[in-house]
PDB file of N, CA and C in Angstrom:
ATOM      1  N   GLN A   1       0.835  -1.189   0.000  1.00  0.00           N
ATOM      2  CA  GLN A   1       0.000   0.000   0.000  1.00  0.00           C
ATOM      3  C   GLN A   1       0.880   1.253   0.000  1.00  0.00           C
ATOM      4  N   LEU A   2       0.457   2.246  -0.746  1.00  0.00           N
ATOM      5  CA  LEU A   2       1.152   3.519  -0.802  1.00  0.00           C
ATOM      6  C   LEU A   2       0.310   4.575  -0.112  1.00  0.00           C
ATOM      7  N   GLN A   3       0.972   5.459   0.584  1.00  0.00           N
ATOM      8  CA  GLN A   3       0.295   6.539   1.292  1.00  0.00           C
ATOM      9  C   GLN A   3       0.844   7.862   0.795  1.00  0.00           C
ATOM     10  N   ALA A   4      -0.002   8.637   0.128  1.00  0.00           N
ATOM     11  CA  ALA A   4       0.393   9.960  -0.342  1.00  0.00           C
ATOM     12  C   ALA A   4      -0.080  11.001   0.665  1.00  0.00           C
ATOM     13  N   SER A   5       0.750  11.990   0.892  1.00  0.00           N
ATOM     14  CA  SER A   5       0.398  13.040   1.841  1.00  0.00           C
ATOM     15  C   SER A   5       1.102  14.327   1.452  1.00  0.00           C
ATOM     16  N   GLY A   6       0.730  15.401   2.127  1.00  0.00           N
ATOM     17  CA  GLY A   6       1.400  16.672   1.917  1.00  0.00           C
ATOM     18  C   GLY A   6       0.621  17.691   1.115  1.00  0.00           C
ATOM     19  N   GLY A   7      -0.535  17.306   0.621  1.00  0.00           N
ATOM     20  CA  GLY A   7      -1.336  18.249  -0.130  1.00  0.00           C
ATOM     21  C   GLY A   7      -1.904  19.337   0.760  1.00  0.00           C
ATOM     22  N   GLY A   8      -2.457  20.351   0.123  1.00  0.00           N
ATOM     23  CA  GLY A   8      -3.056  21.440   0.886  1.00  0.00           C
ATOM     24  C   GLY A   8      -3.396  22.605  -0.006  1.00  0.00           C
ATOM     25  N   LEU A   9      -3.714  23.714   0.628  1.00  0.00           N
ATOM     26  CA  LEU A   9      -4.062  24.943  -0.063  1.00  0.00           C
ATOM     27  C   LEU A   9      -2.862  25.878  -0.036  1.00  0.00           C
ATOM     28  N   VAL A  10      -2.491  26.379  -1.196  1.00  0.00           N
ATOM     29  CA  VAL A  10      -1.339  27.269  -1.295  1.00  0.00           C
ATOM     30  C   VAL A  10      -1.634  28.348  -2.319  1.00  0.00           C
ATOM     31  N   GLN A  11      -1.024  29.488  -2.154  1.00  0.00           N
ATOM     32  CA  GLN A  11      -1.223  30.572  -3.113  1.00  0.00           C
ATOM     33  C   GLN A  11      -0.333  30.385  -4.339  1.00  0.00           C
ATOM     34  N   THR A  12      -0.725  31.003  -5.402  1.00  0.00           N
ATOM     35  CA  THR A  12       0.072  30.993  -6.632  1.00  0.00           C
ATOM     36  C   THR A  12       1.501  31.434  -6.320  1.00  0.00           C
ATOM     37  N   GLY A  13       2.450  30.682  -6.847  1.00  0.00           N
ATOM     38  CA  GLY A  13       3.853  30.976  -6.588  1.00  0.00           C
ATOM     39  C   GLY A  13       4.424  30.277  -5.376  1.00  0.00           C
ATOM     40  N   GLY A  14       3.569  29.660  -4.615  1.00  0.00           N
ATOM     41  CA  GLY A  14       4.004  28.976  -3.400  1.00  0.00           C
ATOM     42  C   GLY A  14       4.563  27.595  -3.668  1.00  0.00           C
ATOM     43  N   SER A  15       4.873  26.887  -2.583  1.00  0.00           N
ATOM     44  CA  SER A  15       5.498  25.567  -2.672  1.00  0.00           C
ATOM     45  C   SER A  15       4.806  24.576  -1.756  1.00  0.00           C
ATOM     46  N   LEU A  16       4.874  23.316  -2.160  1.00  0.00           N
ATOM     47  CA  LEU A  16       4.424  22.206  -1.334  1.00  0.00           C
ATOM     48  C   LEU A  16       5.361  21.038  -1.593  1.00  0.00           C
ATOM     49  N   ARG A  17       5.456  20.155  -0.616  1.00  0.00           N
ATOM     50  CA  ARG A  17       6.190  18.916  -0.818  1.00  0.00           C
ATOM     51  C   ARG A  17       5.273  17.737  -0.511  1.00  0.00           C
ATOM     52  N   LEU A  18       5.070  16.921  -1.513  1.00  0.00           N
ATOM     53  CA  LEU A  18       4.270  15.721  -1.341  1.00  0.00           C
ATOM     54  C   LEU A  18       5.173  14.550  -0.981  1.00  0.00           C
ATOM     55  N   SER A  19       4.625  13.632  -0.209  1.00  0.00           N
ATOM     56  CA  SER A  19       5.355  12.422   0.167  1.00  0.00           C
ATOM     57  C   SER A  19       4.548  11.199  -0.217  1.00  0.00           C
ATOM     58  N   CYS A  20       5.242  10.167  -0.627  1.00  0.00           N
ATOM     59  CA  CYS A  20       4.626   8.878  -0.941  1.00  0.00           C
ATOM     60  C   CYS A  20       5.396   7.832  -0.141  1.00  0.00           C
ATOM     61  N   THR A  21       4.719   7.220   0.812  1.00  0.00           N
ATOM     62  CA  THR A  21       5.377   6.298   1.725  1.00  0.00           C
ATOM     63  C   THR A  21       4.752   4.913   1.629  1.00  0.00           C
ATOM     64  N   ALA A  22       5.606   3.895   1.728  1.00  0.00           N
ATOM     65  CA  ALA A  22       5.124   2.515   1.700  1.00  0.00           C
ATOM     66  C   ALA A  22       5.625   1.774   2.929  1.00  0.00           C
ATOM     67  N   SER A  23       4.836   0.834   3.368  1.00  0.00           N
ATOM     68  CA  SER A  23       5.242   0.031   4.511  1.00  0.00           C
ATOM     69  C   SER A  23       6.055  -1.184   4.079  1.00  0.00           C
ATOM     70  N   ASP A  24       5.904  -1.602   2.841  1.00  0.00           N
ATOM     71  CA  ASP A  24       6.598  -2.771   2.310  1.00  0.00           C
ATOM     72  C   ASP A  24       8.006  -2.379   1.865  1.00  0.00           C
ATOM     73  N   ARG A  25       9.018  -3.080   2.373  1.00  0.00           N
ATOM     74  CA  ARG A  25      10.395  -2.740   2.019  1.00  0.00           C
ATOM     75  C   ARG A  25      10.702  -3.023   0.557  1.00  0.00           C
ATOM     76  N   ASN A  26       9.848  -3.776  -0.125  1.00  0.00           N
ATOM     77  CA  ASN A  26      10.042  -3.981  -1.565  1.00  0.00           C
ATOM     78  C   ASN A  26       9.909  -2.683  -2.341  1.00  0.00           C
ATOM     79  N   PHE A  27       9.377  -1.671  -1.669  1.00  0.00           N
ATOM     80  CA  PHE A  27       9.205  -0.354  -2.299  1.00  0.00           C
ATOM     81  C   PHE A  27      10.515   0.163  -2.866  1.00  0.00           C
ATOM     82  N   ILE A  28      11.624  -0.166  -2.208  1.00  0.00           N
ATOM     83  CA  ILE A  28      12.910   0.350  -2.673  1.00  0.00           C
ATOM     84  C   ILE A  28      13.345  -0.297  -3.982  1.00  0.00           C
ATOM     85  N   LYS A  29      12.667  -1.357  -4.382  1.00  0.00           N
ATOM     86  CA  LYS A  29      12.992  -2.035  -5.639  1.00  0.00           C
ATOM     87  C   LYS A  29      12.133  -1.531  -6.797  1.00  0.00           C
ATOM     88  N   LEU A  30      11.221  -0.631  -6.494  1.00  0.00           N
ATOM     89  CA  LEU A  30      10.227  -0.209  -7.475  1.00  0.00           C
ATOM     90  C   LEU A  30      10.481   1.194  -8.005  1.00  0.00           C
ATOM     91  N   GLY A  31      10.147   1.387  -9.272  1.00  0.00           N
ATOM     92  CA  GLY A  31      10.072   2.731  -9.800  1.00  0.00           C
ATOM     93  C   GLY A  31       8.788   3.376  -9.312  1.00  0.00           C
ATOM     94  N   VAL A  32       8.818   4.671  -9.120  1.00  0.00           N
ATOM     95  CA  VAL A  32       7.658   5.389  -8.577  1.00  0.00           C
ATOM     96  C   VAL A  32       7.327   6.580  -9.457  1.00  0.00           C
ATOM     97  N   GLY A  33       6.055   6.791  -9.648  1.00  0.00           N
ATOM     98  CA  GLY A  33       5.604   7.935 -10.412  1.00  0.00           C
ATOM     99  C   GLY A  33       4.566   8.742  -9.660  1.00  0.00           C
ATOM    100  N   TRP A  34       4.488  10.001 -10.003  1.00  0.00           N
ATOM    101  CA  TRP A  34       3.421  10.874  -9.515  1.00  0.00           C
ATOM    102  C   TRP A  34       2.517  11.207 -10.698  1.00  0.00           C
ATOM    103  N   PHE A  35       1.239  11.186 -10.425  1.00  0.00           N
ATOM    104  CA  PHE A  35       0.225  11.514 -11.417  1.00  0.00           C
ATOM    105  C   PHE A  35      -0.753  12.497 -10.784  1.00  0.00           C
ATOM    106  N   ARG A  36      -1.534  13.159 -11.602  1.00  0.00           N
ATOM    107  CA  ARG A  36      -2.540  14.059 -11.060  1.00  0.00           C
ATOM    108  C   ARG A  36      -3.784  14.047 -11.928  1.00  0.00           C
ATOM    109  N   GLN A  37      -4.879  14.388 -11.289  1.00  0.00           N
ATOM    110  CA  GLN A  37      -6.141  14.469 -11.999  1.00  0.00           C
ATOM    111  C   GLN A  37      -6.883  15.705 -11.529  1.00  0.00           C
ATOM    112  N   ALA A  38      -7.065  16.623 -12.449  1.00  0.00           N
ATOM    113  CA  ALA A  38      -7.814  17.836 -12.157  1.00  0.00           C
ATOM    114  C   ALA A  38      -9.298  17.583 -12.407  1.00  0.00           C
ATOM    115  N   PRO A  39     -10.165  18.375 -11.788  1.00  0.00           N
ATOM    116  CA  PRO A  39     -11.605  18.193 -11.980  1.00  0.00           C
ATOM    117  C   PRO A  39     -11.993  18.246 -13.445  1.00  0.00           C
ATOM    118  N   GLY A  40     -12.711  17.245 -13.890  1.00  0.00           N
ATOM    119  CA  GLY A  40     -13.184  17.215 -15.265  1.00  0.00           C
ATOM    120  C   GLY A  40     -12.143  16.828 -16.293  1.00  0.00           C
ATOM    121  N   LYS A  41     -10.954  16.461 -15.821  1.00  0.00           N
ATOM    122  CA  LYS A  41      -9.888  16.103 -16.758  1.00  0.00           C
ATOM    123  C   LYS A  41      -9.398  14.677 -16.496  1.00  0.00           C
ATOM    124  N   GLU A  42      -8.695  14.133 -17.464  1.00  0.00           N
ATOM    125  CA  GLU A  42      -8.130  12.803 -17.305  1.00  0.00           C
ATOM    126  C   GLU A  42      -6.867  12.863 -16.444  1.00  0.00           C
ATOM    127  N   ARG A  43      -6.565  11.734 -15.846  1.00  0.00           N
ATOM    128  CA  ARG A  43      -5.342  11.649 -15.069  1.00  0.00           C
ATOM    129  C   ARG A  43      -4.130  11.810 -15.994  1.00  0.00           C
ATOM    130  N   GLU A  44      -3.126  12.537 -15.516  1.00  0.00           N
ATOM    131  CA  GLU A  44      -1.939  12.756 -16.334  1.00  0.00           C
ATOM    132  C   GLU A  44      -0.677  12.495 -15.533  1.00  0.00           C
ATOM    133  N   PHE A  45       0.346  12.119 -16.257  1.00  0.00           N
ATOM    134  CA  PHE A  45       1.652  11.873 -15.667  1.00  0.00           C
ATOM    135  C   PHE A  45       2.288  13.191 -15.238  1.00  0.00           C
ATOM    136  N   VAL A  46       2.984  13.155 -14.084  1.00  0.00           N
ATOM    137  CA  VAL A  46       3.681  14.344 -13.592  1.00  0.00           C
ATOM    138  C   VAL A  46       5.190  14.120 -13.567  1.00  0.00           C
ATOM    139  N   ALA A  47       5.623  13.049 -12.897  1.00  0.00           N
ATOM    140  CA  ALA A  47       7.061  12.800 -12.747  1.00  0.00           C
ATOM    141  C   ALA A  47       7.281  11.358 -12.346  1.00  0.00           C
ATOM    142  N   SER A  48       8.488  10.871 -12.609  1.00  0.00           N
ATOM    143  CA  SER A  48       8.827   9.498 -12.205  1.00  0.00           C
ATOM    144  C   SER A  48      10.291   9.424 -11.809  1.00  0.00           C
ATOM    145  N   ILE A  49      10.604   8.382 -11.061  1.00  0.00           N
ATOM    146  CA  ILE A  49      11.969   8.174 -10.611  1.00  0.00           C
ATOM    147  C   ILE A  49      12.228   6.669 -10.547  1.00  0.00           C
ATOM    148  N   SER A  50      13.449   6.284 -10.877  1.00  0.00           N
ATOM    149  CA  SER A  50      13.798   4.869 -10.852  1.00  0.00           C
ATOM    150  C   SER A  50      14.047   4.398  -9.425  1.00  0.00           C
ATOM    151  N   ARG A  51      14.217   3.117  -9.247  1.00  0.00           N
ATOM    152  CA  ARG A  51      14.396   2.573  -7.900  1.00  0.00           C
ATOM    153  C   ARG A  51      15.683   3.071  -7.250  1.00  0.00           C
ATOM    154  N   SER A  52      16.671   3.396  -8.042  1.00  0.00           N
ATOM    155  CA  SER A  52      17.939   3.888  -7.499  1.00  0.00           C
ATOM    156  C   SER A  52      17.914   5.382  -7.228  1.00  0.00           C
ATOM    157  N   GLY A  53      16.896   6.049  -7.723  1.00  0.00           N
ATOM    158  CA  GLY A  53      16.831   7.496  -7.563  1.00  0.00           C
ATOM    159  C   GLY A  53      17.402   8.256  -8.752  1.00  0.00           C
ATOM    160  N   SER A  54      17.894   7.521  -9.711  1.00  0.00           N
ATOM    161  CA  SER A  54      18.428   8.175 -10.899  1.00  0.00           C
ATOM    162  C   SER A  54      17.309   8.315 -11.932  1.00  0.00           C
ATOM    163  N   ASN A  55      17.638   8.931 -13.016  1.00  0.00           N
ATOM    164  CA  ASN A  55      16.717   9.071 -14.145  1.00  0.00           C
ATOM    165  C   ASN A  55      15.368   9.668 -13.785  1.00  0.00           C
ATOM    166  N   PRO A  56      15.332  10.805 -13.121  1.00  0.00           N
ATOM    167  CA  PRO A  56      14.039  11.458 -12.939  1.00  0.00           C
ATOM    168  C   PRO A  56      13.516  11.921 -14.288  1.00  0.00           C
ATOM    169  N   TYR A  57      12.203  11.880 -14.408  1.00  0.00           N
ATOM    170  CA  TYR A  57      11.563  12.254 -15.680  1.00  0.00           C
ATOM    171  C   TYR A  57      10.340  13.095 -15.351  1.00  0.00           C
ATOM    172  N   TYR A  58      10.133  14.142 -16.145  1.00  0.00           N
ATOM    173  CA  TYR A  58       9.070  15.093 -15.836  1.00  0.00           C
ATOM    174  C   TYR A  58       8.190  15.371 -17.037  1.00  0.00           C
ATOM    175  N   ALA A  59       6.951  15.649 -16.764  1.00  0.00           N
ATOM    176  CA  ALA A  59       6.076  16.194 -17.790  1.00  0.00           C
ATOM    177  C   ALA A  59       6.550  17.609 -18.120  1.00  0.00           C
ATOM    178  N   ASP A  60       6.370  17.995 -19.347  1.00  0.00           N
ATOM    179  CA  ASP A  60       6.829  19.323 -19.768  1.00  0.00           C
ATOM    180  C   ASP A  60       6.177  20.429 -18.932  1.00  0.00           C
ATOM    181  N   SER A  61       4.961  20.199 -18.502  1.00  0.00           N
ATOM    182  CA  SER A  61       4.222  21.234 -17.783  1.00  0.00           C
ATOM    183  C   SER A  61       4.801  21.531 -16.401  1.00  0.00           C
ATOM    184  N   VAL A  62       5.620  20.625 -15.863  1.00  0.00           N
ATOM    185  CA  VAL A  62       6.165  20.839 -14.520  1.00  0.00           C
ATOM    186  C   VAL A  62       7.687  20.923 -14.522  1.00  0.00           C
ATOM    187  N   LYS A  63       8.292  20.694 -15.653  1.00  0.00           N
ATOM    188  CA  LYS A  63       9.748  20.687 -15.737  1.00  0.00           C
ATOM    189  C   LYS A  63      10.319  22.038 -15.294  1.00  0.00           C
ATOM    190  N   GLY A  64      11.322  21.989 -14.419  1.00  0.00           N
ATOM    191  CA  GLY A  64      11.929  23.213 -13.913  1.00  0.00           C
ATOM    192  C   GLY A  64      11.253  23.755 -12.669  1.00  0.00           C
ATOM    193  N   ARG A  65      10.075  23.230 -12.344  1.00  0.00           N
ATOM    194  CA  ARG A  65       9.345  23.686 -11.145  1.00  0.00           C
ATOM    195  C   ARG A  65       9.208  22.575 -10.099  1.00  0.00           C
ATOM    196  N   PHE A  66       9.069  21.349 -10.561  1.00  0.00           N
ATOM    197  CA  PHE A  66       8.892  20.205  -9.663  1.00  0.00           C
ATOM    198  C   PHE A  66      10.163  19.361  -9.652  1.00  0.00           C
ATOM    199  N   THR A  67      10.441  18.762  -8.501  1.00  0.00           N
ATOM    200  CA  THR A  67      11.576  17.869  -8.360  1.00  0.00           C
ATOM    201  C   THR A  67      11.137  16.604  -7.636  1.00  0.00           C
ATOM    202  N   ILE A  68      11.408  15.468  -8.258  1.00  0.00           N
ATOM    203  CA  ILE A  68      11.098  14.182  -7.629  1.00  0.00           C
ATOM    204  C   ILE A  68      12.387  13.607  -7.044  1.00  0.00           C
ATOM    205  N   SER A  69      12.280  13.024  -5.875  1.00  0.00           N
ATOM    206  CA  SER A  69      13.447  12.425  -5.227  1.00  0.00           C
ATOM    207  C   SER A  69      12.957  11.288  -4.342  1.00  0.00           C
ATOM    208  N   ARG A  70      13.893  10.501  -3.849  1.00  0.00           N
ATOM    209  CA  ARG A  70      13.490   9.415  -2.960  1.00  0.00           C
ATOM    210  C   ARG A  70      14.546   9.194  -1.881  1.00  0.00           C
ATOM    211  N   ASP A  71      14.053   8.733  -0.754  1.00  0.00           N
ATOM    212  CA  ASP A  71      14.911   8.358   0.366  1.00  0.00           C
ATOM    213  C   ASP A  71      14.563   6.906   0.679  1.00  0.00           C
ATOM    214  N   ASN A  72      15.348   5.994   0.164  1.00  0.00           N
ATOM    215  CA  ASN A  72      15.019   4.580   0.334  1.00  0.00           C
ATOM    216  C   ASN A  72      15.150   4.122   1.789  1.00  0.00           C
ATOM    217  N   ALA A  73      15.950   4.807   2.565  1.00  0.00           N
ATOM    218  CA  ALA A  73      16.050   4.462   3.985  1.00  0.00           C
ATOM    219  C   ALA A  73      14.731   4.738   4.701  1.00  0.00           C
ATOM    220  N   LYS A  74      13.961   5.681   4.161  1.00  0.00           N
ATOM    221  CA  LYS A  74      12.667   6.028   4.752  1.00  0.00           C
ATOM    222  C   LYS A  74      11.500   5.469   3.950  1.00  0.00           C
ATOM    223  N   ASN A  75      11.828   4.699   2.900  1.00  0.00           N
ATOM    224  CA  ASN A  75      10.763   4.125   2.073  1.00  0.00           C
ATOM    225  C   ASN A  75       9.818   5.194   1.546  1.00  0.00           C
ATOM    226  N   THR A  76      10.386   6.330   1.138  1.00  0.00           N
ATOM    227  CA  THR A  76       9.569   7.488   0.768  1.00  0.00           C
ATOM    228  C   THR A  76      10.077   8.122  -0.522  1.00  0.00           C
ATOM    229  N   VAL A  77       9.133   8.521  -1.342  1.00  0.00           N
ATOM    230  CA  VAL A  77       9.415   9.323  -2.529  1.00  0.00           C
ATOM    231  C   VAL A  77       8.754  10.679  -2.342  1.00  0.00           C
ATOM    232  N   TYR A  78       9.466  11.716  -2.733  1.00  0.00           N
ATOM    233  CA  TYR A  78       8.972  13.076  -2.556  1.00  0.00           C
ATOM    234  C   TYR A  78       8.709  13.732  -3.904  1.00  0.00           C
ATOM    235  N   LEU A  79       7.812  14.697  -3.880  1.00  0.00           N
ATOM    236  CA  LEU A  79       7.615  15.582  -5.018  1.00  0.00           C
ATOM    237  C   LEU A  79       7.617  17.001  -4.487  1.00  0.00           C
ATOM    238  N   GLN A  80       8.728  17.685  -4.706  1.00  0.00           N
ATOM    239  CA  GLN A  80       8.834  19.092  -4.315  1.00  0.00           C
ATOM    240  C   GLN A  80       8.246  19.944  -5.431  1.00  0.00           C
ATOM    241  N   MET A  81       7.255  20.729  -5.093  1.00  0.00           N
ATOM    242  CA  MET A  81       6.556  21.537  -6.083  1.00  0.00           C
ATOM    243  C   MET A  81       6.755  23.010  -5.759  1.00  0.00           C
ATOM    244  N   ASN A  82       7.425  23.716  -6.650  1.00  0.00           N
ATOM    245  CA  ASN A  82       7.691  25.145  -6.477  1.00  0.00           C
ATOM    246  C   ASN A  82       6.990  25.941  -7.566  1.00  0.00           C
ATOM    247  N   SER A  83       6.879  27.220  -7.354  1.00  0.00           N
ATOM    248  CA  SER A  83       6.270  28.125  -8.338  1.00  0.00           C
ATOM    249  C   SER A  83       4.924  27.586  -8.806  1.00  0.00           C
ATOM    250  N   LEU A  84       4.113  27.218  -7.859  1.00  0.00           N
ATOM    251  CA  LEU A  84       2.839  26.589  -8.191  1.00  0.00           C
ATOM    252  C   LEU A  84       1.908  27.553  -8.920  1.00  0.00           C
ATOM    253  N   LYS A  85       1.159  26.980  -9.840  1.00  0.00           N
ATOM    254  CA  LYS A  85       0.204  27.733 -10.652  1.00  0.00           C
ATOM    255  C   LYS A  85      -1.199  27.176 -10.405  1.00  0.00           C
ATOM    256  N   SER A  86      -2.189  27.948 -10.767  1.00  0.00           N
ATOM    257  CA  SER A  86      -3.563  27.498 -10.565  1.00  0.00           C
ATOM    258  C   SER A  86      -3.825  26.200 -11.331  1.00  0.00           C
ATOM    259  N   GLU A  87      -3.182  26.048 -12.464  1.00  0.00           N
ATOM    260  CA  GLU A  87      -3.395  24.836 -13.262  1.00  0.00           C
ATOM    261  C   GLU A  87      -2.751  23.595 -12.648  1.00  0.00           C
ATOM    262  N   ASP A  88      -2.017  23.756 -11.568  1.00  0.00           N
ATOM    263  CA  ASP A  88      -1.476  22.597 -10.847  1.00  0.00           C
ATOM    264  C   ASP A  88      -2.500  22.032  -9.860  1.00  0.00           C
ATOM    265  N   THR A  89      -3.606  22.708  -9.694  1.00  0.00           N
ATOM    266  CA  THR A  89      -4.651  22.218  -8.799  1.00  0.00           C
ATOM    267  C   THR A  89      -5.166  20.871  -9.279  1.00  0.00           C
ATOM    268  N   ALA A  90      -5.098  19.874  -8.417  1.00  0.00           N
ATOM    269  CA  ALA A  90      -5.493  18.512  -8.796  1.00  0.00           C
ATOM    270  C   ALA A  90      -5.367  17.591  -7.608  1.00  0.00           C
ATOM    271  N   LEU A  91      -5.903  16.402  -7.794  1.00  0.00           N
ATOM    272  CA  LEU A  91      -5.665  15.316  -6.847  1.00  0.00           C
ATOM    273  C   LEU A  91      -4.405  14.597  -7.328  1.00  0.00           C
ATOM    274  N   TYR A  92      -3.415  14.514  -6.462  1.00  0.00           N
ATOM    275  CA  TYR A  92      -2.131  13.929  -6.829  1.00  0.00           C
ATOM    276  C   TYR A  92      -2.031  12.508  -6.267  1.00  0.00           C
ATOM    277  N   TYR A  93      -1.609  11.592  -7.121  1.00  0.00           N
ATOM    278  CA  TYR A  93      -1.462  10.197  -6.754  1.00  0.00           C
ATOM    279  C   TYR A  93      -0.022   9.749  -6.957  1.00  0.00           C
ATOM    280  N   CYS A  94       0.433   8.844  -6.121  1.00  0.00           N
ATOM    281  CA  CYS A  94       1.690   8.165  -6.398  1.00  0.00           C
ATOM    282  C   CYS A  94       1.382   6.717  -6.764  1.00  0.00           C
ATOM    283  N   ALA A  95       2.269   6.148  -7.563  1.00  0.00           N
ATOM    284  CA  ALA A  95       2.091   4.779  -8.017  1.00  0.00           C
ATOM    285  C   ALA A  95       3.462   4.138  -8.164  1.00  0.00           C
ATOM    286  N   ALA A  96       3.499   2.817  -8.097  1.00  0.00           N
ATOM    287  CA  ALA A  96       4.766   2.086  -8.172  1.00  0.00           C
ATOM    288  C   ALA A  96       4.700   0.995  -9.231  1.00  0.00           C
ATOM    289  N   ARG A  97       5.863   0.621  -9.746  1.00  0.00           N
ATOM    290  CA  ARG A  97       5.934  -0.420 -10.763  1.00  0.00           C
ATOM    291  C   ARG A  97       7.285  -1.120 -10.702  1.00  0.00           C
ATOM    292  N   TRP A  98       7.312  -2.333 -11.235  1.00  0.00           N
ATOM    293  CA  TRP A  98       8.563  -3.062 -11.390  1.00  0.00           C
ATOM    294  C   TRP A  98       9.168  -2.681 -12.739  1.00  0.00           C
ATOM    295  N   GLY A  99      10.404  -2.285 -12.717  1.00  0.00           N
ATOM    296  CA  GLY A  99      11.111  -1.968 -13.947  1.00  0.00           C
ATOM    297  C   GLY A  99      10.389  -0.905 -14.755  1.00  0.00           C
ATOM    298  N   SER A 100      10.174  -1.210 -16.013  1.00  0.00           N
ATOM    299  CA  SER A 100       9.480  -0.271 -16.900  1.00  0.00           C
ATOM    300  C   SER A 100       8.068  -0.754 -17.207  1.00  0.00           C
ATOM    301  N   GLY A 101       7.561  -1.626 -16.354  1.00  0.00           N
ATOM    302  CA  GLY A 101       6.207  -2.130 -16.556  1.00  0.00           C
ATOM    303  C   GLY A 101       5.144  -1.116 -16.224  1.00  0.00           C
ATOM    304  N   GLU A 102       3.930  -1.577 -16.205  1.00  0.00           N
ATOM    305  CA  GLU A 102       2.819  -0.680 -15.874  1.00  0.00           C
ATOM    306  C   GLU A 102       2.813  -0.361 -14.383  1.00  0.00           C
ATOM    307  N   TYR A 103       2.308   0.807 -14.056  1.00  0.00           N
ATOM    308  CA  TYR A 103       2.105   1.151 -12.654  1.00  0.00           C
ATOM    309  C   TYR A 103       0.908   0.358 -12.152  1.00  0.00           C
ATOM    310  N   ASN A 104       1.128  -0.510 -11.188  1.00  0.00           N
ATOM    311  CA  ASN A 104       0.049  -1.385 -10.752  1.00  0.00           C
ATOM    312  C   ASN A 104      -0.255  -1.295  -9.267  1.00  0.00           C
ATOM    313  N   THR A 105       0.440  -0.437  -8.577  1.00  0.00           N
ATOM    314  CA  THR A 105       0.147  -0.193  -7.166  1.00  0.00           C
ATOM    315  C   THR A 105      -0.050   1.300  -6.991  1.00  0.00           C
ATOM    316  N   TRP A 106      -1.222   1.659  -6.520  1.00  0.00           N
ATOM    317  CA  TRP A 106      -1.578   3.085  -6.423  1.00  0.00           C
ATOM    318  C   TRP A 106      -1.938   3.437  -4.992  1.00  0.00           C
ATOM    319  N   GLY A 107      -1.578   4.660  -4.634  1.00  0.00           N
ATOM    320  CA  GLY A 107      -1.999   5.174  -3.340  1.00  0.00           C
ATOM    321  C   GLY A 107      -3.273   5.992  -3.497  1.00  0.00           C
ATOM    322  N   GLN A 108      -3.838   6.401  -2.383  1.00  0.00           N
ATOM    323  CA  GLN A 108      -4.971   7.311  -2.455  1.00  0.00           C
ATOM    324  C   GLN A 108      -4.426   8.700  -2.799  1.00  0.00           C
ATOM    325  N   GLY A 109      -5.218   9.560  -3.289  1.00  0.00           N
ATOM    326  CA  GLY A 109      -4.747  10.867  -3.705  1.00  0.00           C
ATOM    327  C   GLY A 109      -4.603  11.836  -2.547  1.00  0.00           C
ATOM    328  N   THR A 110      -3.819  12.864  -2.788  1.00  0.00           N
ATOM    329  CA  THR A 110      -3.722  13.987  -1.861  1.00  0.00           C
ATOM    330  C   THR A 110      -4.014  15.247  -2.661  1.00  0.00           C
ATOM    331  N   LEU A 111      -4.894  16.078  -2.133  1.00  0.00           N
ATOM    332  CA  LEU A 111      -5.404  17.212  -2.887  1.00  0.00           C
ATOM    333  C   LEU A 111      -4.499  18.427  -2.759  1.00  0.00           C
ATOM    334  N   VAL A 112      -4.169  18.982  -3.921  1.00  0.00           N
ATOM    335  CA  VAL A 112      -3.410  20.226  -3.988  1.00  0.00           C
ATOM    336  C   VAL A 112      -4.300  21.284  -4.619  1.00  0.00           C
ATOM    337  N   THR A 113      -4.472  22.381  -3.916  1.00  0.00           N
ATOM    338  CA  THR A 113      -5.281  23.484  -4.418  1.00  0.00           C
ATOM    339  C   THR A 113      -4.433  24.734  -4.424  1.00  0.00           C
ATOM    340  N   VAL A 114      -4.297  25.323  -5.605  1.00  0.00           N
ATOM    341  CA  VAL A 114      -3.509  26.542  -5.756  1.00  0.00           C
ATOM    342  C   VAL A 114      -4.460  27.688  -6.043  1.00  0.00           C
ATOM    343  N   SER A 115      -4.471  28.657  -5.162  1.00  0.00           N
ATOM    344  CA  SER A 115      -5.391  29.777  -5.299  1.00  0.00           C
ATOM    345  C   SER A 115      -4.651  31.004  -5.819  1.00  0.00           C
ATOM    346  N   SER A 116      -5.358  31.755  -6.635  1.00  0.00           N
ATOM    347  CA  SER A 116      -4.747  32.969  -7.210  1.00  0.00           C
ATOM    348  C   SER A 116      -5.072  34.188  -6.380  1.00  0.00           C
TER     349      SER A 116
END
């Protein structure tokens, strides 16, 4: 099971850090991604990181503003979100996968609301 947390209400230009934590130590063997779904829109990819913490990958819409990282000692993946915009408002989910396979383990979402 994955637990996403850290969402909240923030003003435009502000920052938040989301956390994705797992109780299963196999989490350190998995690639992890962050996704989001805004009201009335389809879920979209935000960022991903490999099990070693290398090869972070970002959607163009967040590149340069968001940073994904992981602390395997804490079984946690983070998403640091800076320079937030109203269009970043969404329910954010973390998900895990083996290798380059499909994401098949999902956490519950954490809501991020950016107010102007």
